[in-house]
């Protein structure tokens, strides 16, 4: 069951946070270099999430990433382009965690 919750959280993040950013072609944005930096940051974040061994670890990683100061510039760039950020997904992520009875030590 715990592996199912982890897989569901990762699928949610892949679909709603990572894929929209990683699948956007850089040649479709006006500030290509900044966007490519944001894509690299997003890819590294995705790998950190997928390295989590439990649903609780995914939960903790989410809140760590949301409060990470480095991620703020990435969020600004993605917001400017109308792409999703973890900050914008907080409510939906919280609802999913509640439905799955997932909690961690963060927050």
Protein backbone atom coordinates (compact mmCIF):
# COMPACT_ATOMS: atom_id res chain seq x y z
CA UNK A 1 0.00 0.00 0.00
CA UNK A 2 2.80 2.43 0.87
CA UNK A 3 4.44 1.76 -2.51
CA UNK A 4 1.09 2.50 -4.17
CA UNK A 5 0.89 5.87 -2.40
CA UNK A 6 4.46 6.71 -3.40
CA UNK A 7 3.73 5.77 -7.01
CA UNK A 8 0.53 7.83 -7.03
CA UNK A 9 2.28 10.90 -5.62
CA UNK A 10 5.08 10.60 -8.18
CA UNK A 11 2.59 10.14 -11.02
CA UNK A 12 0.75 13.27 -9.88
CA UNK A 13 3.97 15.30 -9.78
CA UNK A 14 5.15 13.93 -13.11
CA UNK A 15 1.86 14.80 -14.81
CA UNK A 16 1.14 18.15 -13.20
CA UNK A 17 4.57 19.61 -12.39
CA UNK A 18 7.38 18.02 -14.33
CA UNK A 19 6.08 16.89 -17.74
CA UNK A 20 4.57 20.27 -18.72
CA UNK A 21 7.93 21.95 -18.12
CA UNK A 22 10.19 19.23 -19.48
CA UNK A 23 8.06 18.72 -22.62
CA UNK A 24 7.94 22.40 -23.58
CA UNK A 25 10.35 23.01 -26.47
CA UNK A 26 12.84 25.78 -25.57
CA UNK A 27 12.44 27.33 -29.00
CA UNK A 28 8.84 28.23 -28.10
CA UNK A 29 9.81 30.65 -25.33
CA UNK A 30 11.19 34.16 -25.51
CA UNK A 31 13.97 33.84 -22.92
CA UNK A 32 15.45 30.55 -24.02
CA UNK A 33 18.53 30.51 -21.75
CA UNK A 34 16.53 31.22 -18.59
CA UNK A 35 13.96 28.61 -19.57
CA UNK A 36 16.62 25.98 -20.25
CA UNK A 37 18.04 26.67 -16.77
CA UNK A 38 14.54 26.22 -15.34
CA UNK A 39 14.15 22.96 -17.27
CA UNK A 40 17.46 21.66 -15.88
CA UNK A 41 16.38 22.57 -12.35
CA UNK A 42 13.03 20.84 -12.94
CA UNK A 43 14.74 17.70 -14.23
CA UNK A 44 17.05 17.59 -11.19
CA UNK A 45 14.04 18.06 -8.87
CA UNK A 46 12.19 15.24 -10.65
CA UNK A 47 15.16 12.92 -10.12
CA UNK A 48 15.30 13.86 -6.42
CA UNK A 49 11.61 13.00 -6.05
CA UNK A 50 11.98 9.67 -7.84
CA UNK A 51 14.90 8.76 -5.55
CA UNK A 52 12.56 8.92 -2.54
CA UNK A 53 11.95 5.46 -1.10
CA UNK A 54 8.54 6.11 0.50
CA UNK A 55 5.43 8.24 0.19
CA UNK A 56 6.42 10.08 3.38
CA UNK A 57 9.80 10.89 1.81
CA UNK A 58 8.03 12.27 -1.29
CA UNK A 59 5.88 14.41 1.03
CA UNK A 60 8.94 15.74 2.84
CA UNK A 61 10.78 16.37 -0.44
CA UNK A 62 7.77 18.33 -1.77
CA UNK A 63 7.76 20.72 1.18
CA UNK A 64 11.54 21.01 1.13
CA UNK A 65 11.44 21.97 -2.56
CA UNK A 66 8.60 24.46 -2.01
CA UNK A 67 10.60 26.26 0.67
CA UNK A 68 13.91 26.10 -1.19
CA UNK A 69 15.20 29.59 -1.89
CA UNK A 70 16.89 28.53 -5.13
CA UNK A 71 13.56 27.36 -6.53
CA UNK A 72 12.05 30.84 -6.26
CA UNK A 73 13.78 32.16 -9.39
CA UNK A 74 12.68 29.01 -11.26
CA UNK A 75 9.10 29.56 -10.08
CA UNK A 76 9.18 33.16 -11.32
CA UNK A 77 10.34 32.07 -14.76
CA UNK A 78 7.79 29.26 -14.98
CA UNK A 79 5.00 31.52 -13.70
CA UNK A 80 5.90 34.07 -16.35
CA UNK A 81 5.46 31.38 -19.00
CA UNK A 82 2.22 30.06 -17.49
CA UNK A 83 3.82 26.73 -16.60
CA UNK A 84 3.12 24.89 -13.34
CA UNK A 85 5.19 25.25 -10.20
CA UNK A 86 5.19 23.20 -7.03
CA UNK A 87 3.94 26.25 -5.14
CA UNK A 88 0.84 26.41 -7.35
CA UNK A 89 0.21 22.70 -6.78
CA UNK A 90 0.34 22.86 -2.97
CA UNK A 91 -3.42 22.55 -2.39
CA UNK A 92 -3.88 19.72 -4.85
CA UNK A 93 -0.84 17.90 -3.44
CA UNK A 94 -2.16 18.33 0.11
CA UNK A 95 -5.56 16.96 -0.92
CA UNK A 96 -3.96 13.95 -2.56
CA UNK A 97 -1.79 13.30 0.51
CA UNK A 98 -4.84 13.52 2.77
CA UNK A 99 -6.77 11.10 0.55
CA UNK A 100 -3.83 8.68 0.62
CA UNK A 101 -3.21 9.23 4.37
CA UNK A 102 0.35 10.33 3.68
CA UNK A 103 2.23 12.59 6.05
CA UNK A 104 5.86 13.31 6.67
CA UNK A 105 8.00 15.11 9.18
CA UNK A 106 8.08 18.43 7.29
CA UNK A 107 5.73 21.36 7.38
